[in-house]
Amino acid sequence: MKIITTPDKRLREKSEKVRVIDDEIREIIADMRKLSLDWEAKHPYELSAAMAAPQMGVNKRIIIIRDDMEDKKNGTFTALINPEVIRTEGKVKTDYEGCLSVPSIYGMVPRASKVKVKAKLEDGTEVRIKATNELARTLLHEIDHLNGVLFIDHIRDKEDAFYKMNDEGDLVPVKDYESEIRDNKKLWGEE
């Protein structure tokens, strides 16, 4: 298993609902956790906050969310199966987002600051989650993956909206946006 990146067309497909949580599903979740941590180990300035099954080419409605997004040493994740947004509310806030499947690019993405999600845990327990701020943003980003949507699809104001990480781990604006778009159209699957 590996993390797939744009322009892989599988990232643009709508994922199938999980009907039964069996050993195959648990193995997919284990692979997702491993891939997330492997990716993180190769990116010293970044945290793998979450991942969706389509990011490894698996067309199932499964996401994993890191249990503690403040502590990189805590590599535990909670799996959410068939997550569904019930409601978004609160102010729309624009903040940085990046993605394991959109390498090297970060963007300023508007998202609701509050979300209510229902899902099943790995053991089949149904849960409802009320999330705010960063957790809300992360849940919305990952659930978008299940519908074939990438964070770059939400960026409306292209000017001053895209960033790259420099060698020191700082996000710096992409200076020539038009050139960057031209160079990355293939990467983003737009050609």
C-alpha atoms as a PDB file:
ATOM      1  CA  MET A   1       0.000   0.000   0.000  1.00  0.00           C
ATOM      2  CA  LYS A   2       1.079   3.551  -0.677  1.00  0.00           C
ATOM      3  CA  ILE A   3      -0.415   7.028  -0.545  1.00  0.00           C
ATOM      4  CA  ILE A   4      -1.674   8.008  -3.976  1.00  0.00           C
ATOM      5  CA  THR A   5      -1.346  11.577  -5.201  1.00  0.00           C
ATOM      6  CA  THR A   6      -2.956  13.802  -7.785  1.00  0.00           C
ATOM      7  CA  PRO A   7      -3.673  13.392 -10.652  1.00  0.00           C
ATOM      8  CA  ASP A   8      -4.662   9.807  -9.765  1.00  0.00           C
ATOM      9  CA  LYS A   9      -8.317   9.612 -10.849  1.00  0.00           C
ATOM     10  CA  ARG A  10      -9.230   7.413  -7.871  1.00  0.00           C
ATOM     11  CA  LEU A  11      -8.994  10.532  -5.685  1.00  0.00           C
ATOM     12  CA  ARG A  12     -11.959  11.974  -7.603  1.00  0.00           C
ATOM     13  CA  GLU A  13     -14.314   8.998  -7.121  1.00  0.00           C
ATOM     14  CA  LYS A  14     -17.123   8.840  -4.591  1.00  0.00           C
ATOM     15  CA  SER A  15     -16.405   6.123  -2.021  1.00  0.00           C
ATOM     16  CA  GLU A  16     -18.669   3.187  -1.251  1.00  0.00           C
ATOM     17  CA  LYS A  17     -20.406   2.742   2.076  1.00  0.00           C
ATOM     18  CA  VAL A  18     -18.939   0.063   4.364  1.00  0.00           C
ATOM     19  CA  ARG A  19     -21.633  -2.576   4.903  1.00  0.00           C
ATOM     20  CA  VAL A  20     -19.822  -4.868   7.369  1.00  0.00           C
ATOM     21  CA  ILE A  21     -16.891  -4.070   9.661  1.00  0.00           C
ATOM     22  CA  ASP A  22     -14.842  -7.233   9.197  1.00  0.00           C
ATOM     23  CA  ASP A  23     -11.173  -8.236   9.133  1.00  0.00           C
ATOM     24  CA  GLU A  24     -10.727  -6.685   5.677  1.00  0.00           C
ATOM     25  CA  ILE A  25     -11.937  -3.301   6.976  1.00  0.00           C
ATOM     26  CA  ARG A  26      -9.757  -3.565  10.087  1.00  0.00           C
ATOM     27  CA  GLU A  27      -6.755  -4.345   7.854  1.00  0.00           C
ATOM     28  CA  ILE A  28      -7.486  -1.263   5.719  1.00  0.00           C
ATOM     29  CA  ILE A  29      -7.583   0.852   8.897  1.00  0.00           C
ATOM     30  CA  ALA A  30      -4.289  -0.636  10.109  1.00  0.00           C
ATOM     31  CA  ASP A  31      -2.692   0.136   6.721  1.00  0.00           C
ATOM     32  CA  MET A  32      -3.987   3.716   6.882  1.00  0.00           C
ATOM     33  CA  ARG A  33      -2.446   4.226  10.334  1.00  0.00           C
ATOM     34  CA  LYS A  34       0.879   2.807   9.178  1.00  0.00           C
ATOM     35  CA  LEU A  35       0.969   4.870   5.978  1.00  0.00           C
ATOM     36  CA  SER A  36       0.141   8.056   7.901  1.00  0.00           C
ATOM     37  CA  LEU A  37       2.968   7.535  10.355  1.00  0.00           C
ATOM     38  CA  ASP A  38       5.410   6.463   7.625  1.00  0.00           C
ATOM     39  CA  TRP A  39       4.612   9.651   5.695  1.00  0.00           C
ATOM     40  CA  GLU A  40       5.057  11.732   8.832  1.00  0.00           C
ATOM     41  CA  ALA A  41       8.450  10.173   9.568  1.00  0.00           C
ATOM     42  CA  LYS A  42       9.663  11.466   6.192  1.00  0.00           C
ATOM     43  CA  HIS A  43       8.291  14.990   6.795  1.00  0.00           C
ATOM     44  CA  PRO A  44       9.920  16.368   9.962  1.00  0.00           C
ATOM     45  CA  TYR A  45       8.003  19.665   9.996  1.00  0.00           C
ATOM     46  CA  GLU A  46       4.574  18.209   9.332  1.00  0.00           C
ATOM     47  CA  LEU A  47       1.971  16.216  11.234  1.00  0.00           C
ATOM     48  CA  SER A  48      -0.210  13.575   9.629  1.00  0.00           C
ATOM     49  CA  ALA A  49      -3.473  14.662  11.243  1.00  0.00           C
ATOM     50  CA  ALA A  50      -5.789  12.389   9.298  1.00  0.00           C
ATOM     51  CA  MET A  51      -6.258  10.247   6.239  1.00  0.00           C
ATOM     52  CA  ALA A  52      -9.083   8.859   4.106  1.00  0.00           C
ATOM     53  CA  ALA A  53      -9.128   5.388   2.537  1.00  0.00           C
ATOM     54  CA  PRO A  54      -9.262   6.807  -1.029  1.00  0.00           C
ATOM     55  CA  GLN A  55      -5.804   8.276  -0.388  1.00  0.00           C
ATOM     56  CA  MET A  56      -4.439   4.759  -0.615  1.00  0.00           C
ATOM     57  CA  GLY A  57      -6.659   3.827  -3.531  1.00  0.00           C
ATOM     58  CA  VAL A  58      -9.339   2.096  -1.461  1.00  0.00           C
ATOM     59  CA  ASN A  59     -12.841   3.173  -2.439  1.00  0.00           C
ATOM     60  CA  LYS A  60     -14.402   2.805   1.039  1.00  0.00           C
ATOM     61  CA  ARG A  61     -15.946   5.417   3.355  1.00  0.00           C
ATOM     62  CA  ILE A  62     -13.295   5.225   6.080  1.00  0.00           C
ATOM     63  CA  ILE A  63     -11.230   7.990   7.653  1.00  0.00           C
ATOM     64  CA  ILE A  64      -8.758   8.093  10.498  1.00  0.00           C
ATOM     65  CA  ILE A  65      -8.259  11.136  12.745  1.00  0.00           C
ATOM     66  CA  ARG A  66      -5.256  11.597  15.014  1.00  0.00           C
ATOM     67  CA  ASP A  67      -6.216  11.431  18.686  1.00  0.00           C
ATOM     68  CA  ASP A  68      -3.885  14.288  19.697  1.00  0.00           C
ATOM     69  CA  MET A  69      -3.023  16.801  16.996  1.00  0.00           C
ATOM     70  CA  GLU A  70      -0.762  18.730  19.369  1.00  0.00           C
ATOM     71  CA  ASP A  71       1.571  15.823  20.202  1.00  0.00           C
ATOM     72  CA  LYS A  72       3.536  14.308  17.321  1.00  0.00           C
ATOM     73  CA  LYS A  73       4.806  11.593  19.688  1.00  0.00           C
ATOM     74  CA  ASN A  74       1.256  10.316  20.134  1.00  0.00           C
ATOM     75  CA  GLY A  75       0.731   8.295  16.967  1.00  0.00           C
ATOM     76  CA  THR A  76      -2.739   6.975  17.758  1.00  0.00           C
ATOM     77  CA  PHE A  77      -5.708   7.495  15.458  1.00  0.00           C
ATOM     78  CA  THR A  78      -9.443   6.910  15.743  1.00  0.00           C
ATOM     79  CA  ALA A  79     -11.124   5.318  12.744  1.00  0.00           C
ATOM     80  CA  LEU A  80     -14.506   6.633  11.622  1.00  0.00           C
ATOM     81  CA  ILE A  81     -16.519   4.430   9.296  1.00  0.00           C
ATOM     82  CA  ASN A  82     -19.207   5.892   7.024  1.00  0.00           C
ATOM     83  CA  PRO A  83     -18.787   9.395   8.498  1.00  0.00           C
ATOM     84  CA  GLU A  84     -21.523  11.779   7.493  1.00  0.00           C
ATOM     85  CA  VAL A  85     -21.846  15.508   8.059  1.00  0.00           C
ATOM     86  CA  ILE A  86     -25.141  16.172   9.814  1.00  0.00           C
ATOM     87  CA  ARG A  87     -24.725  19.931  10.102  1.00  0.00           C
ATOM     88  CA  THR A  88     -22.175  22.706   9.753  1.00  0.00           C
ATOM     89  CA  GLU A  89     -22.498  26.008  11.563  1.00  0.00           C
ATOM     90  CA  GLY A  90     -20.526  28.823  13.060  1.00  0.00           C
ATOM     91  CA  LYS A  91     -18.432  31.374  11.262  1.00  0.00           C
ATOM     92  CA  VAL A  92     -16.644  30.333   8.106  1.00  0.00           C
ATOM     93  CA  LYS A  93     -12.921  30.661   8.743  1.00  0.00           C
ATOM     94  CA  THR A  94     -10.145  30.576   6.176  1.00  0.00           C
ATOM     95  CA  ASP A  95      -6.971  28.776   7.225  1.00  0.00           C
ATOM     96  CA  TYR A  96      -4.095  26.714   5.877  1.00  0.00           C
ATOM     97  CA  GLU A  97      -4.685  23.191   4.652  1.00  0.00           C
ATOM     98  CA  GLY A  98      -2.393  20.648   3.110  1.00  0.00           C
ATOM     99  CA  CYS A  99      -2.924  17.075   2.015  1.00  0.00           C
ATOM    100  CA  LEU A 100      -0.895  13.887   1.799  1.00  0.00           C
ATOM    101  CA  SER A 101      -2.326  13.407  -1.701  1.00  0.00           C
ATOM    102  CA  VAL A 102      -1.572  16.935  -2.966  1.00  0.00           C
ATOM    103  CA  PRO A 103       2.186  17.052  -2.396  1.00  0.00           C
ATOM    104  CA  SER A 104       4.088  20.261  -1.739  1.00  0.00           C
ATOM    105  CA  ILE A 105       1.101  22.614  -1.908  1.00  0.00           C
ATOM    106  CA  TYR A 106      -0.833  24.298   0.909  1.00  0.00           C
ATOM    107  CA  GLY A 107      -3.801  26.569   0.495  1.00  0.00           C
ATOM    108  CA  MET A 108      -6.047  28.981   2.344  1.00  0.00           C
ATOM    109  CA  VAL A 109      -9.369  27.139   2.551  1.00  0.00           C
ATOM    110  CA  PRO A 110     -12.680  28.487   3.906  1.00  0.00           C
ATOM    111  CA  ARG A 111     -14.532  26.037   6.157  1.00  0.00           C
ATOM    112  CA  ALA A 112     -17.279  26.152   8.770  1.00  0.00           C
ATOM    113  CA  SER A 113     -15.881  26.444  12.285  1.00  0.00           C
ATOM    114  CA  LYS A 114     -18.347  23.906  13.739  1.00  0.00           C
ATOM    115  CA  VAL A 115     -19.538  20.560  12.441  1.00  0.00           C
ATOM    116  CA  LYS A 116     -21.661  17.685  13.694  1.00  0.00           C
ATOM    117  CA  VAL A 117     -20.752  14.277  12.264  1.00  0.00           C
ATOM    118  CA  LYS A 118     -22.185  10.809  12.734  1.00  0.00           C
ATOM    119  CA  ALA A 119     -20.131   7.672  12.099  1.00  0.00           C
ATOM    120  CA  LYS A 120     -19.318   4.218  13.380  1.00  0.00           C
ATOM    121  CA  LEU A 121     -16.202   3.314  15.314  1.00  0.00           C
ATOM    122  CA  GLU A 122     -14.092   0.288  14.493  1.00  0.00           C
ATOM    123  CA  ASP A 123     -16.083  -1.826  16.965  1.00  0.00           C
ATOM    124  CA  GLY A 124     -19.373  -0.857  15.300  1.00  0.00           C
ATOM    125  CA  THR A 125     -20.476   1.655  17.935  1.00  0.00           C
ATOM    126  CA  GLU A 126     -22.388   4.560  16.393  1.00  0.00           C
ATOM    127  CA  VAL A 127     -21.115   7.959  17.505  1.00  0.00           C
ATOM    128  CA  ARG A 128     -22.018  11.587  17.017  1.00  0.00           C
ATOM    129  CA  ILE A 129     -19.203  14.078  17.163  1.00  0.00           C
ATOM    130  CA  LYS A 130     -19.503  17.823  17.727  1.00  0.00           C
ATOM    131  CA  ALA A 131     -16.266  19.390  16.572  1.00  0.00           C
ATOM    132  CA  THR A 132     -14.977  22.943  16.420  1.00  0.00           C
ATOM    133  CA  ASN A 133     -12.075  24.761  14.817  1.00  0.00           C
ATOM    134  CA  GLU A 134      -9.155  22.509  13.759  1.00  0.00           C
ATOM    135  CA  LEU A 135     -10.966  19.215  14.400  1.00  0.00           C
ATOM    136  CA  ALA A 136     -13.992  20.475  12.433  1.00  0.00           C
ATOM    137  CA  ARG A 137     -11.694  21.512   9.569  1.00  0.00           C
ATOM    138  CA  THR A 138      -9.946  18.129   9.590  1.00  0.00           C
ATOM    139  CA  LEU A 139     -13.202  16.158   9.610  1.00  0.00           C
ATOM    140  CA  LEU A 140     -14.609  18.214   6.729  1.00  0.00           C
ATOM    141  CA  HIS A 141     -11.365  17.794   4.741  1.00  0.00           C
ATOM    142  CA  GLU A 142     -11.371  14.012   5.176  1.00  0.00           C
ATOM    143  CA  ILE A 143     -15.086  13.565   4.492  1.00  0.00           C
ATOM    144  CA  ASP A 144     -14.553  15.592   1.301  1.00  0.00           C
ATOM    145  CA  HIS A 145     -12.064  12.902   0.204  1.00  0.00           C
ATOM    146  CA  LEU A 146     -14.851  10.322   0.457  1.00  0.00           C
ATOM    147  CA  ASN A 147     -16.807  12.374  -2.071  1.00  0.00           C
ATOM    148  CA  GLY A 148     -13.916  12.878  -4.506  1.00  0.00           C
ATOM    149  CA  VAL A 149     -13.267  16.471  -3.405  1.00  0.00           C
ATOM    150  CA  LEU A 150      -9.792  17.894  -2.676  1.00  0.00           C
ATOM    151  CA  PHE A 151      -8.991  20.977  -0.593  1.00  0.00           C
ATOM    152  CA  ILE A 152      -7.812  22.844  -3.692  1.00  0.00           C
ATOM    153  CA  ASP A 153     -11.400  22.679  -5.006  1.00  0.00           C
ATOM    154  CA  HIS A 154     -12.528  25.035  -2.217  1.00  0.00           C
ATOM    155  CA  ILE A 155     -10.062  27.824  -2.952  1.00  0.00           C
ATOM    156  CA  ARG A 156     -11.925  30.642  -4.640  1.00  0.00           C
ATOM    157  CA  ASP A 157      -9.523  33.568  -4.376  1.00  0.00           C
ATOM    158  CA  LYS A 158      -6.468  32.175  -6.144  1.00  0.00           C
ATOM    159  CA  GLU A 159      -4.333  35.265  -5.489  1.00  0.00           C
ATOM    160  CA  ASP A 160      -2.231  34.861  -2.321  1.00  0.00           C
ATOM    161  CA  ALA A 161      -3.964  31.537  -1.578  1.00  0.00           C
ATOM    162  CA  PHE A 162      -1.235  28.971  -2.291  1.00  0.00           C
ATOM    163  CA  TYR A 163       1.882  28.190  -0.273  1.00  0.00           C
ATOM    164  CA  LYS A 164       4.859  25.847  -0.252  1.00  0.00           C
ATOM    165  CA  MET A 165       6.969  24.711   2.689  1.00  0.00           C
ATOM    166  CA  ASN A 166      10.595  25.838   2.656  1.00  0.00           C
ATOM    167  CA  ASP A 167      13.574  23.872   3.993  1.00  0.00           C
ATOM    168  CA  GLU A 168      13.118  25.403   7.456  1.00  0.00           C
ATOM    169  CA  GLY A 169       9.511  24.233   7.715  1.00  0.00           C
ATOM    170  CA  ASP A 170       7.924  27.649   7.133  1.00  0.00           C
ATOM    171  CA  LEU A 171       5.058  28.183   4.714  1.00  0.00           C
ATOM    172  CA  VAL A 172       5.938  30.737   2.088  1.00  0.00           C
ATOM    173  CA  PRO A 173       3.579  32.193  -0.533  1.00  0.00           C
ATOM    174  CA  VAL A 174       3.857  30.941  -4.061  1.00  0.00           C
ATOM    175  CA  LYS A 175       5.205  34.047  -5.788  1.00  0.00           C
ATOM    176  CA  ASP A 176       4.041  33.452  -9.329  1.00  0.00           C
ATOM    177  CA  TYR A 177       0.648  31.842  -8.995  1.00  0.00           C
ATOM    178  CA  GLU A 178      -0.020  31.613 -12.736  1.00  0.00           C
ATOM    179  CA  SER A 179       3.269  29.812 -13.321  1.00  0.00           C
ATOM    180  CA  GLU A 180       2.593  27.499 -10.374  1.00  0.00           C
ATOM    181  CA  ILE A 181      -0.836  26.628 -11.752  1.00  0.00           C
ATOM    182  CA  ARG A 182       0.614  25.973 -15.193  1.00  0.00           C
ATOM    183  CA  ASP A 183       3.296  23.726 -13.680  1.00  0.00           C
ATOM    184  CA  ASN A 184       0.808  21.893 -11.456  1.00  0.00           C
ATOM    185  CA  LYS A 185      -2.253  21.475 -13.684  1.00  0.00           C
ATOM    186  CA  LYS A 186      -1.146  17.962 -14.455  1.00  0.00           C
ATOM    187  CA  LEU A 187      -0.356  17.325 -10.783  1.00  0.00           C
ATOM    188  CA  TRP A 188      -3.840  18.495  -9.785  1.00  0.00           C
ATOM    189  CA  GLY A 189      -5.552  16.452 -12.474  1.00  0.00           C
ATOM    190  CA  GLU A 190      -6.890  19.430 -14.388  1.00  0.00           C
ATOM    191  CA  GLU A 191      -5.365  18.487 -17.769  1.00  0.00           C
END
